[in-house]
Amino acid sequence: MRFPIVLLFNPETNDYKVTVPDMPGCSCRAKTMDIALNEIIAVIESHLSLLAEYSEDIPNASSFENHVSKMEFRGGVWAVVDIDITPFLGKSHKINVTLPELLIKKIDECVSSNPNYATRSGFLATAAINELKNS
């Protein structure tokens, strides 16, 4: 899932504060933008681990437009971090699914040509996450 982040430079402390607007309380500070981008990924993963531990829902990632006009983010530099949320969805369970043959063939073709999907199950899980996010 792609989460927008904002980097705000603080001239008094000569560092950056990185915030994930879709995850209240999820932020960090770093001396450079590069370090900040690396640090925020670890912070997001820790945040998602805590949410999973307490069986809380993973927040949906929203667009820049939802946040860019907010006063606390004025003057910030916006970026996107892509986080694989599947490790935070809980233990995997095997299920039987019945699908039409042509649909299975199309799924398998997509999986074989796209490195984002390691398996048919990965494709179906991603499709389910996207559909749930849109509903």
Foldseek 3Di string as FASTA:
>chain_A
DKFKKWWDADVVVQWIKIDGVQQPPQIDIDNDPVVRVVVSLVSVVVSLQVCLVVVHDDGDHDDCVVPVPDPVRPPIDMDIDDDDNVVSPDDDDDDDDDDDPVVVVVLVVCCVVDVCHVDSVSVVVVVVVVVVSVD
